Amino acid sequence: MKLKFFPIILGLFIYFFAQHAIGQNFFVKKKYRDWAVYSSAANECFLASKAKRTASYFNSREVLGKNRQNSFIYLSVNKNNTDYSMSYFSDYPLKINISGSMNIDNRKVFGLMALSSNENSKSKHAIINGLMKEDITFLLGGNRLTIELQGIDGSMLVDRFSLMGFTKSFNYLLSSCN
């Protein structure tokens, strides 16, 4: 992953996991295909992946010219491997209080919701609701993850992530960071 994306990843991680991450610097500990394991000096870790394809649709037609290239998905696990947090960062502002979805190979669909720190902000963050240990098996056995959320302009944002390397990254995260 290029160094210019590191501040975005670090900022998002601190935003969602501030109680664990304040003041820590994160670095790529290990990379497997499309997923990377990030770690800090205090051995706090998370997984991250960049979208392979980003698209925007308005009235069922793809909108060309929207410069959407930097969408990311993140996963962290607590020390006991019992609690999972998954979040999404869009490179385009999201409509607040509108539900979206995360789809794994058309086998499992999760809800997600855009987050906002105040009423006037333009959020680019969403959190996946209800991710449980049993759901990780869909990620481990999957090939593609698709995020669909509504943009602030009413367009539908569709980002596709590869799950190539997720299994090895997840296993490495569990063995080296917990």
C-alpha atoms as a PDB file:
ATOM      1  CA  MET A   1       0.000   0.000   0.000  1.00  0.00           C
ATOM      2  CA  LYS A   2       1.402   3.401  -0.901  1.00  0.00           C
ATOM      3  CA  LEU A   3       2.540   5.685   1.898  1.00  0.00           C
ATOM      4  CA  LYS A   4       0.105   8.418   0.870  1.00  0.00           C
ATOM      5  CA  PHE A   5      -2.799   6.201   2.054  1.00  0.00           C
ATOM      6  CA  PHE A   6      -1.260   5.488   5.465  1.00  0.00           C
ATOM      7  CA  PRO A   7      -2.638   8.690   7.115  1.00  0.00           C
ATOM      8  CA  ILE A   8      -6.154   7.791   5.962  1.00  0.00           C
ATOM      9  CA  ILE A   9      -5.877   4.294   7.418  1.00  0.00           C
ATOM     10  CA  LEU A  10      -4.349   5.545  10.648  1.00  0.00           C
ATOM     11  CA  GLY A  11      -6.955   8.296  11.013  1.00  0.00           C
ATOM     12  CA  LEU A  12      -9.879   5.935  10.484  1.00  0.00           C
ATOM     13  CA  PHE A  13      -8.496   3.363  12.877  1.00  0.00           C
ATOM     14  CA  ILE A  14      -8.009   6.003  15.574  1.00  0.00           C
ATOM     15  CA  TYR A  15     -11.527   7.286  14.954  1.00  0.00           C
ATOM     16  CA  PHE A  16     -13.155   3.863  15.496  1.00  0.00           C
ATOM     17  CA  PHE A  17     -10.791   2.434  18.092  1.00  0.00           C
ATOM     18  CA  ALA A  18      -9.587   5.536  19.953  1.00  0.00           C
ATOM     19  CA  GLN A  19      -9.550   3.829  23.344  1.00  0.00           C
ATOM     20  CA  HIS A  20      -6.863   1.452  22.029  1.00  0.00           C
ATOM     21  CA  ALA A  21      -5.052   3.508  19.441  1.00  0.00           C
ATOM     22  CA  ILE A  22      -4.420   7.019  20.740  1.00  0.00           C
ATOM     23  CA  GLY A  23      -0.820   8.071  20.135  1.00  0.00           C
ATOM     24  CA  GLN A  24       0.301   4.901  18.374  1.00  0.00           C
ATOM     25  CA  ASN A  25       1.947   4.656  14.968  1.00  0.00           C
ATOM     26  CA  PHE A  26       0.832   1.797  12.763  1.00  0.00           C
ATOM     27  CA  PHE A  27       2.908   0.023  10.128  1.00  0.00           C
ATOM     28  CA  VAL A  28       2.351  -2.844   7.697  1.00  0.00           C
ATOM     29  CA  LYS A  29       3.338  -5.966   9.583  1.00  0.00           C
ATOM     30  CA  LYS A  30       2.486  -8.485   6.855  1.00  0.00           C
ATOM     31  CA  LYS A  31       0.767  -8.354   3.461  1.00  0.00           C
ATOM     32  CA  TYR A  32      -1.054 -11.232   1.794  1.00  0.00           C
ATOM     33  CA  ARG A  33      -2.355 -10.487  -1.711  1.00  0.00           C
ATOM     34  CA  ASP A  34      -5.096  -7.838  -1.312  1.00  0.00           C
ATOM     35  CA  TRP A  35      -5.096  -7.642   2.503  1.00  0.00           C
ATOM     36  CA  ALA A  36      -2.526  -6.233   4.924  1.00  0.00           C
ATOM     37  CA  VAL A  37      -2.054  -6.628   8.676  1.00  0.00           C
ATOM     38  CA  TYR A  38      -1.228  -3.345  10.411  1.00  0.00           C
ATOM     39  CA  SER A  39       0.371  -3.244  13.844  1.00  0.00           C
ATOM     40  CA  SER A  40       1.586  -0.755  16.438  1.00  0.00           C
ATOM     41  CA  ALA A  41       4.454  -0.906  18.907  1.00  0.00           C
ATOM     42  CA  ALA A  42       1.884  -1.932  21.558  1.00  0.00           C
ATOM     43  CA  ASN A  43       0.871  -4.909  19.352  1.00  0.00           C
ATOM     44  CA  GLU A  44      -2.554  -3.460  18.503  1.00  0.00           C
ATOM     45  CA  CYS A  45      -3.502  -4.827  15.074  1.00  0.00           C
ATOM     46  CA  PHE A  46      -6.131  -4.631  12.346  1.00  0.00           C
ATOM     47  CA  LEU A  47      -6.658  -5.817   8.748  1.00  0.00           C
ATOM     48  CA  ALA A  48      -7.197  -3.457   5.818  1.00  0.00           C
ATOM     49  CA  SER A  49      -7.893  -3.735   2.114  1.00  0.00           C
ATOM     50  CA  LYS A  50      -8.379  -1.239  -0.689  1.00  0.00           C
ATOM     51  CA  ALA A  51     -11.330  -1.536  -3.098  1.00  0.00           C
ATOM     52  CA  LYS A  52     -10.511  -3.228  -6.391  1.00  0.00           C
ATOM     53  CA  ARG A  53     -13.325  -1.426  -8.204  1.00  0.00           C
ATOM     54  CA  THR A  54     -15.308   1.664  -7.253  1.00  0.00           C
ATOM     55  CA  ALA A  55     -18.376   2.820  -9.132  1.00  0.00           C
ATOM     56  CA  SER A  56     -21.205   5.326  -8.735  1.00  0.00           C
ATOM     57  CA  TYR A  57     -24.696   4.870 -10.161  1.00  0.00           C
ATOM     58  CA  PHE A  58     -27.486   7.402 -10.589  1.00  0.00           C
ATOM     59  CA  ASN A  59     -30.859   6.198 -11.935  1.00  0.00           C
ATOM     60  CA  SER A  60     -29.304   2.786 -12.698  1.00  0.00           C
ATOM     61  CA  ARG A  61     -26.632   4.314 -14.938  1.00  0.00           C
ATOM     62  CA  GLU A  62     -22.969   4.443 -14.041  1.00  0.00           C
ATOM     63  CA  VAL A  63     -21.698   7.965 -13.429  1.00  0.00           C
ATOM     64  CA  LEU A  64     -18.354   8.416 -15.109  1.00  0.00           C
ATOM     65  CA  GLY A  65     -15.878  11.037 -13.973  1.00  0.00           C
ATOM     66  CA  LYS A  66     -16.348  10.725 -10.207  1.00  0.00           C
ATOM     67  CA  ASN A  67     -12.814  10.423  -8.959  1.00  0.00           C
ATOM     68  CA  ARG A  68     -13.372   7.460  -6.623  1.00  0.00           C
ATOM     69  CA  GLN A  69     -10.217   5.454  -6.080  1.00  0.00           C
ATOM     70  CA  ASN A  70      -9.543   5.252  -2.362  1.00  0.00           C
ATOM     71  CA  SER A  71     -12.176   3.209  -0.542  1.00  0.00           C
ATOM     72  CA  PHE A  72     -11.033   0.893   2.239  1.00  0.00           C
ATOM     73  CA  ILE A  73     -12.429  -1.795   4.526  1.00  0.00           C
ATOM     74  CA  TYR A  74     -11.019  -2.588   7.989  1.00  0.00           C
ATOM     75  CA  LEU A  75     -11.408  -5.461  10.443  1.00  0.00           C
ATOM     76  CA  SER A  76     -10.222  -5.685  14.043  1.00  0.00           C
ATOM     77  CA  VAL A  77     -10.584  -8.488  16.567  1.00  0.00           C
ATOM     78  CA  ASN A  78     -10.418  -8.311  20.349  1.00  0.00           C
ATOM     79  CA  LYS A  79      -7.774 -10.278  22.254  1.00  0.00           C
ATOM     80  CA  ASN A  80     -10.156 -13.202  22.954  1.00  0.00           C
ATOM     81  CA  ASN A  81     -11.215 -13.588  19.293  1.00  0.00           C
ATOM     82  CA  THR A  82     -14.846 -13.076  20.333  1.00  0.00           C
ATOM     83  CA  ASP A  83     -15.673  -9.534  19.188  1.00  0.00           C
ATOM     84  CA  TYR A  84     -15.246  -8.246  15.632  1.00  0.00           C
ATOM     85  CA  SER A  85     -15.378  -4.666  14.402  1.00  0.00           C
ATOM     86  CA  MET A  86     -15.606  -3.980  10.696  1.00  0.00           C
ATOM     87  CA  SER A  87     -15.699  -0.529   9.165  1.00  0.00           C
ATOM     88  CA  TYR A  88     -15.673   1.050   5.725  1.00  0.00           C
ATOM     89  CA  PHE A  89     -14.122   4.290   4.516  1.00  0.00           C
ATOM     90  CA  SER A  90     -15.444   5.883   1.341  1.00  0.00           C
ATOM     91  CA  ASP A  91     -13.596   8.467  -0.694  1.00  0.00           C
ATOM     92  CA  TYR A  92     -16.939  10.208  -1.324  1.00  0.00           C
ATOM     93  CA  PRO A  93     -19.309  11.676   1.308  1.00  0.00           C
ATOM     94  CA  LEU A  94     -22.092   9.318   2.397  1.00  0.00           C
ATOM     95  CA  LYS A  95     -25.719  10.109   3.103  1.00  0.00           C
ATOM     96  CA  ILE A  96     -26.301   9.935   6.853  1.00  0.00           C
ATOM     97  CA  ASN A  97     -29.047   7.715   8.385  1.00  0.00           C
ATOM     98  CA  ILE A  98     -29.500   5.637   5.238  1.00  0.00           C
ATOM     99  CA  SER A  99     -28.808   1.911   5.443  1.00  0.00           C
ATOM    100  CA  GLY A 100     -26.419   0.235   3.067  1.00  0.00           C
ATOM    101  CA  SER A 101     -25.239  -3.327   2.630  1.00  0.00           C
ATOM    102  CA  MET A 102     -22.151  -5.490   2.605  1.00  0.00           C
ATOM    103  CA  ASN A 103     -22.564  -8.609   0.463  1.00  0.00           C
ATOM    104  CA  ILE A 104     -20.180 -11.578   0.510  1.00  0.00           C
ATOM    105  CA  ASP A 105     -20.401 -13.582  -2.740  1.00  0.00           C
ATOM    106  CA  ASN A 106     -24.223 -13.234  -2.767  1.00  0.00           C
ATOM    107  CA  ARG A 107     -24.306 -15.681   0.166  1.00  0.00           C
ATOM    108  CA  LYS A 108     -24.458 -13.363   3.169  1.00  0.00           C
ATOM    109  CA  VAL A 109     -25.648  -9.749   3.429  1.00  0.00           C
ATOM    110  CA  PHE A 110     -24.917  -7.436   6.352  1.00  0.00           C
ATOM    111  CA  GLY A 111     -26.344  -4.013   7.074  1.00  0.00           C
ATOM    112  CA  LEU A 112     -24.150  -0.972   7.449  1.00  0.00           C
ATOM    113  CA  MET A 113     -24.768   2.628   8.455  1.00  0.00           C
ATOM    114  CA  ALA A 114     -22.854   5.830   7.744  1.00  0.00           C
ATOM    115  CA  LEU A 115     -21.490   7.538  10.838  1.00  0.00           C
ATOM    116  CA  SER A 116     -21.421  11.249  11.568  1.00  0.00           C
ATOM    117  CA  SER A 117     -19.793  13.113  14.429  1.00  0.00           C
ATOM    118  CA  ASN A 118     -22.313  15.967  14.124  1.00  0.00           C
ATOM    119  CA  GLU A 119     -25.350  16.945  12.058  1.00  0.00           C
ATOM    120  CA  ASN A 120     -23.448  19.170   9.597  1.00  0.00           C
ATOM    121  CA  SER A 121     -20.496  16.935   8.803  1.00  0.00           C
ATOM    122  CA  LYS A 122     -20.098  15.009   5.581  1.00  0.00           C
ATOM    123  CA  SER A 123     -19.300  11.499   6.721  1.00  0.00           C
ATOM    124  CA  LYS A 124     -17.116   9.136   4.757  1.00  0.00           C
ATOM    125  CA  HIS A 125     -17.238   6.345   7.359  1.00  0.00           C
ATOM    126  CA  ALA A 126     -19.664   3.466   7.829  1.00  0.00           C
ATOM    127  CA  ILE A 127     -19.747   0.613  10.280  1.00  0.00           C
ATOM    128  CA  ILE A 128     -20.949  -2.920   9.565  1.00  0.00           C
ATOM    129  CA  ASN A 129     -23.695  -3.984  11.960  1.00  0.00           C
ATOM    130  CA  GLY A 130     -23.878  -7.339  13.730  1.00  0.00           C
ATOM    131  CA  LEU A 131     -20.667  -9.050  12.641  1.00  0.00           C
ATOM    132  CA  MET A 132     -20.236 -12.239  14.676  1.00  0.00           C
ATOM    133  CA  LYS A 133     -17.714 -15.070  14.848  1.00  0.00           C
ATOM    134  CA  GLU A 134     -19.879 -17.307  12.631  1.00  0.00           C
ATOM    135  CA  ASP A 135     -19.920 -14.586   9.959  1.00  0.00           C
ATOM    136  CA  ILE A 136     -16.132 -14.643   9.678  1.00  0.00           C
ATOM    137  CA  THR A 137     -16.449 -18.044   7.974  1.00  0.00           C
ATOM    138  CA  PHE A 138     -18.181 -16.331   5.029  1.00  0.00           C
ATOM    139  CA  LEU A 139     -15.237 -13.940   4.739  1.00  0.00           C
ATOM    140  CA  LEU A 140     -12.722 -16.777   5.065  1.00  0.00           C
ATOM    141  CA  GLY A 141     -14.386 -18.808   2.302  1.00  0.00           C
ATOM    142  CA  GLY A 142     -15.387 -15.903   0.083  1.00  0.00           C
ATOM    143  CA  ASN A 143     -13.944 -14.384  -3.065  1.00  0.00           C
ATOM    144  CA  ARG A 144     -15.558 -10.936  -3.243  1.00  0.00           C
ATOM    145  CA  LEU A 145     -17.083  -8.437  -0.877  1.00  0.00           C
ATOM    146  CA  THR A 146     -19.383  -5.719  -2.244  1.00  0.00           C
ATOM    147  CA  ILE A 147     -20.342  -2.548  -0.357  1.00  0.00           C
ATOM    148  CA  GLU A 148     -23.379  -0.527  -1.463  1.00  0.00           C
ATOM    149  CA  LEU A 149     -24.208   2.829   0.151  1.00  0.00           C
ATOM    150  CA  GLN A 150     -25.929   5.995  -0.943  1.00  0.00           C
ATOM    151  CA  GLY A 151     -23.740   9.036  -1.593  1.00  0.00           C
ATOM    152  CA  ILE A 152     -24.633  12.503  -0.374  1.00  0.00           C
ATOM    153  CA  ASP A 153     -25.756  13.430  -3.912  1.00  0.00           C
ATOM    154  CA  GLY A 154     -28.231  10.516  -4.067  1.00  0.00           C
ATOM    155  CA  SER A 155     -26.019   8.282  -6.197  1.00  0.00           C
ATOM    156  CA  MET A 156     -25.467   4.643  -5.257  1.00  0.00           C
ATOM    157  CA  LEU A 157     -21.819   3.908  -4.445  1.00  0.00           C
ATOM    158  CA  VAL A 158     -20.766   0.327  -5.202  1.00  0.00           C
ATOM    159  CA  ASP A 159     -17.296  -0.752  -4.107  1.00  0.00           C
ATOM    160  CA  ARG A 160     -15.908  -4.240  -4.693  1.00  0.00           C
ATOM    161  CA  PHE A 161     -13.165  -5.717  -2.553  1.00  0.00           C
ATOM    162  CA  SER A 162     -11.211  -8.886  -3.197  1.00  0.00           C
ATOM    163  CA  LEU A 163     -11.031 -11.446  -0.400  1.00  0.00           C
ATOM    164  CA  MET A 164      -7.825 -12.943  -1.845  1.00  0.00           C
ATOM    165  CA  GLY A 165      -5.373 -13.111   1.029  1.00  0.00           C
ATOM    166  CA  PHE A 166      -8.004 -12.532   3.713  1.00  0.00           C
ATOM    167  CA  THR A 167      -7.659 -16.010   5.248  1.00  0.00           C
ATOM    168  CA  LYS A 168      -3.878 -15.801   5.595  1.00  0.00           C
ATOM    169  CA  SER A 169      -4.091 -12.211   6.903  1.00  0.00           C
ATOM    170  CA  PHE A 170      -6.761 -13.153   9.425  1.00  0.00           C
ATOM    171  CA  ASN A 171      -4.813 -16.203  10.645  1.00  0.00           C
ATOM    172  CA  TYR A 172      -1.656 -14.120  10.918  1.00  0.00           C
ATOM    173  CA  LEU A 173      -3.569 -11.462  12.873  1.00  0.00           C
ATOM    174  CA  LEU A 174      -4.816 -14.086  15.327  1.00  0.00           C
ATOM    175  CA  SER A 175      -1.427 -15.732  15.776  1.00  0.00           C
ATOM    176  CA  SER A 176       0.787 -12.672  16.029  1.00  0.00           C
ATOM    177  CA  CYS A 177      -1.377  -9.924  17.516  1.00  0.00           C
ATOM    178  CA  ASN A 178      -3.405 -11.705  20.207  1.00  0.00           C
END
